Amino acid sequence: LILKPKMRLTSEINAEINDTFVRHVPELDSDAARYPLARPKWLLHTEFVESSPCYIASSVDEGRKNDYIYVAERGYYHLRTREGHAEAHRRFKEAAPKRHNILQYRRKSKEEKNRIKQEKELYTKAATILHNRVLYEPHDIQSSRLIALNAQSAGSTAKAAGKAAYLPALTSALLIGAAGG
C-alpha cells in the first residue's frame, strides 16, 4: 500500500497566506494586498487610485481606513504604494510568533507539534512574500523569478543566463497554477 501525501489546491494555500497576513496585520484585509499580487509597478504617493489619493497626511492615527495603513507621524499610505507595504512588513515582523512562551517546556502531542510547525512555515512564507514585495515589485510571481535569477547569477553569469531561459516557462506555469487554472 502506497500512501500519497495530501495534495492541497493552490487556492487553499493562497487563502491560508492571506489569513496569515490578516491575523498579524489587520490592514492587509484588502484587495490591494491579497496574495498573489500581479501589478506592474508600485504607485507613487502623489498618484491616485480610483479618485482616492495614495497618501493622506495625518500626524494622528484616526483609526483604520480601507486599503490604507497608518505610518506613525507621517499619515496614511495606500496599500498599492511601496511605503504602505513597507509599513505592513514592519508590523508583520513585530507580530512574529514568540519563541519563548510559557508552554514551551510542556510535553506536546505529535499533532500539536505538527500544527506549530505548519504555523511557523506559513508565517515564514508570508513574511518572505511581504519582504519580496517591498524589495522588488508588487508582482509576487515576478519577484520570485527575480530572486531565483539573482541566486543563480551569484555563482556564474553564463550558467545563470542558460538557466534563466527556462524561467519564463516556469513563471507561466506558476501563474496558471496561482490563477487556479
Protein backbone atom coordinates (compact mmCIF):
# COMPACT_ATOMS: atom_id res chain seq x y z
CA LEU A 1 0.00 0.00 0.00
CA ILE A 2 1.47 3.33 -1.12
CA LEU A 3 0.26 6.38 0.76
CA LYS A 4 0.23 9.62 -1.16
CA PRO A 5 0.75 12.88 0.68
CA LYS A 6 -2.33 15.07 0.89
CA MET A 7 -2.18 17.45 -2.05
CA ARG A 8 -3.59 20.91 -1.44
CA LEU A 9 -5.05 23.24 -4.03
CA THR A 10 -3.23 26.46 -4.81
CA SER A 11 -6.34 28.41 -3.85
CA GLU A 12 -6.28 26.81 -0.37
CA ILE A 13 -2.63 27.77 0.12
CA ASN A 14 -3.33 31.33 -1.10
CA ALA A 15 -6.25 31.60 1.34
CA GLU A 16 -4.01 30.43 4.21
CA ILE A 17 -1.36 33.02 3.31
CA ASN A 18 -3.99 35.78 3.15
CA ASP A 19 -5.42 34.65 6.52
CA THR A 20 -1.91 34.82 7.99
CA PHE A 21 -1.46 38.36 6.63
CA VAL A 22 -4.76 39.48 8.21
CA ARG A 23 -4.14 37.70 11.52
CA HIS A 24 -0.89 39.60 12.07
CA VAL A 25 -1.71 42.90 10.30
CA PRO A 26 -5.49 43.51 10.02
CA GLU A 27 -4.99 46.33 7.48
CA LEU A 28 -3.90 43.70 4.95
CA ASP A 29 -7.53 42.56 4.66
CA SER A 30 -7.77 44.38 1.36
CA ASP A 31 -7.80 43.55 -2.34
CA ALA A 32 -4.76 45.82 -2.63
CA ALA A 33 -2.72 43.33 -0.55
CA ARG A 34 -4.33 39.98 -1.38
CA TYR A 35 -1.92 37.22 -2.44
CA PRO A 36 -0.94 36.74 -5.22
CA LEU A 37 -0.45 40.32 -6.38
CA ALA A 38 0.07 40.88 -10.08
CA ARG A 39 0.60 44.59 -10.63
CA PRO A 40 3.28 46.00 -12.92
CA LYS A 41 4.59 48.68 -10.52
CA TRP A 42 4.16 50.45 -7.21
CA LEU A 43 2.15 53.65 -7.24
CA LEU A 44 3.80 56.84 -6.04
CA HIS A 45 2.37 58.65 -3.02
CA THR A 46 1.45 61.54 -5.34
CA GLU A 47 -0.78 59.38 -7.57
CA PHE A 48 -4.46 58.49 -7.24
CA VAL A 49 -6.34 55.17 -7.12
CA GLU A 50 -9.91 55.48 -8.42
CA SER A 51 -10.02 59.18 -7.46
CA SER A 52 -8.57 58.47 -3.97
CA PRO A 53 -5.10 59.77 -3.09
CA CYS A 54 -2.32 57.28 -2.40
CA TYR A 55 -1.21 59.36 0.58
CA ILE A 56 -3.27 61.15 3.22
CA ALA A 57 -1.22 63.35 5.54
CA SER A 58 -2.06 62.90 9.22
CA SER A 59 0.05 63.19 12.34
CA VAL A 60 -2.55 61.26 14.37
CA ASP A 61 -3.92 57.77 13.78
CA GLU A 62 -7.62 58.35 13.14
CA GLY A 63 -8.45 54.66 13.04
CA ARG A 64 -8.45 52.06 10.32
CA LYS A 65 -9.23 53.08 6.73
CA ASN A 66 -9.98 50.63 3.93
CA ASP A 67 -6.96 49.97 1.66
CA TYR A 68 -4.71 52.25 3.76
CA ILE A 69 -2.18 51.68 6.50
CA TYR A 70 -1.11 54.32 9.00
CA VAL A 71 2.59 55.18 9.29
CA ALA A 72 3.36 56.96 12.57
CA GLU A 73 3.90 60.72 12.34
CA ARG A 74 3.54 60.61 8.53
CA GLY A 75 0.00 59.63 7.62
CA TYR A 76 -1.95 57.02 5.70
CA TYR A 77 -0.42 55.26 2.70
CA HIS A 78 -2.45 53.25 0.24
CA LEU A 79 -1.52 49.57 0.10
CA ARG A 80 -0.64 49.99 -3.58
CA THR A 81 2.40 52.06 -2.58
CA ARG A 82 5.78 50.70 -1.56
CA GLU A 83 5.62 52.76 1.64
CA GLY A 84 2.35 51.11 2.62
CA HIS A 85 3.76 47.63 2.13
CA ALA A 86 7.00 48.54 3.90
CA GLU A 87 4.95 49.50 6.98
CA ALA A 88 2.89 46.30 6.68
CA HIS A 89 6.12 44.28 6.51
CA ARG A 90 7.49 46.07 9.59
CA ARG A 91 4.31 45.35 11.56
CA PHE A 92 4.24 41.75 10.35
CA LYS A 93 7.77 41.21 11.66
CA GLU A 94 6.83 42.77 15.01
CA ALA A 95 3.88 40.38 15.29
CA ALA A 96 6.10 37.33 14.78
CA PRO A 97 5.25 34.29 16.89
CA LYS A 98 7.32 34.46 20.06
CA ARG A 99 9.92 31.76 20.54
CA HIS A 100 9.80 31.82 24.31
CA ASN A 101 6.38 31.01 25.50
CA ILE A 102 5.07 29.64 28.77
CA LEU A 103 4.07 26.33 27.22
CA GLN A 104 7.49 25.82 25.62
CA TYR A 105 8.63 23.18 28.10
CA ARG A 106 5.32 21.35 28.29
CA ARG A 107 5.20 17.99 26.53
CA LYS A 108 3.35 18.31 23.27
CA SER A 109 1.43 15.74 21.29
CA LYS A 110 2.56 14.92 17.77
CA GLU A 111 -0.48 16.73 16.34
CA GLU A 112 0.31 19.86 18.34
CA LYS A 113 3.95 19.80 17.22
CA ASN A 114 2.84 19.43 13.59
CA ARG A 115 0.36 22.31 13.95
CA ILE A 116 3.04 24.57 15.45
CA LYS A 117 5.48 23.60 12.69
CA GLN A 118 2.89 24.35 9.98
CA GLU A 119 2.08 27.72 11.55
CA LYS A 120 5.78 28.65 11.62
CA GLU A 121 6.23 27.58 7.99
CA LEU A 122 3.17 29.56 6.92
CA TYR A 123 4.35 32.63 8.84
CA THR A 124 7.80 32.36 7.24
CA LYS A 125 6.31 32.03 3.76
CA ALA A 126 4.02 35.05 4.31
CA ALA A 127 6.90 37.13 5.73
CA THR A 128 9.05 36.25 2.71
CA ILE A 129 6.27 37.30 0.33
CA LEU A 130 5.91 40.70 2.03
CA HIS A 131 9.69 41.14 2.09
CA ASN A 132 9.96 40.37 -1.63
CA ARG A 133 7.16 42.80 -2.46
CA VAL A 134 8.98 45.64 -0.73
CA LEU A 135 12.35 44.80 -2.27
CA TYR A 136 11.28 44.15 -5.83
CA GLU A 137 7.88 44.83 -7.33
CA PRO A 138 4.21 44.23 -6.49
CA HIS A 139 4.03 41.15 -8.68
CA ASP A 140 4.57 38.09 -6.48
CA ILE A 141 5.45 35.69 -9.32
CA GLN A 142 7.87 38.14 -10.97
CA SER A 143 9.51 38.84 -7.61
CA SER A 144 10.10 35.12 -7.10
CA ARG A 145 11.56 34.94 -10.60
CA LEU A 146 13.96 37.85 -9.91
CA ILE A 147 15.12 36.23 -6.68
CA ALA A 148 15.78 32.94 -8.48
CA LEU A 149 17.70 34.77 -11.20
CA ASN A 150 19.78 36.68 -8.63
CA ALA A 151 20.58 33.48 -6.74
CA GLN A 152 21.66 31.73 -9.92
CA SER A 153 23.78 34.63 -11.13
CA ALA A 154 25.67 34.71 -7.83
CA GLY A 155 27.55 31.59 -8.92
CA SER A 156 28.16 32.16 -12.60
CA THR A 157 26.70 34.68 -15.01
CA ALA A 158 26.89 32.39 -18.06
CA LYS A 159 25.39 29.50 -16.14
CA ALA A 160 22.59 31.76 -14.87
CA ALA A 161 21.83 33.04 -18.36
CA GLY A 162 21.34 29.48 -19.56
CA LYS A 163 19.07 28.63 -16.66
CA ALA A 164 17.18 31.91 -16.98
CA ALA A 165 15.88 30.77 -20.37
CA TYR A 166 13.69 28.27 -18.52
CA LEU A 167 12.29 30.85 -16.10
CA PRO A 168 9.60 32.28 -18.44
CA ALA A 169 8.12 28.81 -18.91
CA LEU A 170 8.31 28.18 -15.17
CA THR A 171 6.70 31.55 -14.47
CA SER A 172 3.86 30.81 -16.89
CA ALA A 173 3.23 27.50 -15.17
CA LEU A 174 3.20 29.22 -11.77
CA LEU A 175 0.82 31.93 -12.99
CA ILE A 176 -1.59 29.35 -14.35
CA GLY A 177 -1.38 27.46 -11.04
CA ALA A 178 -1.86 30.65 -8.99
CA ALA A 179 -4.88 31.59 -11.08
CA GLY A 180 -6.44 28.24 -10.26
CA GLY A 181 -6.34 27.03 -13.87
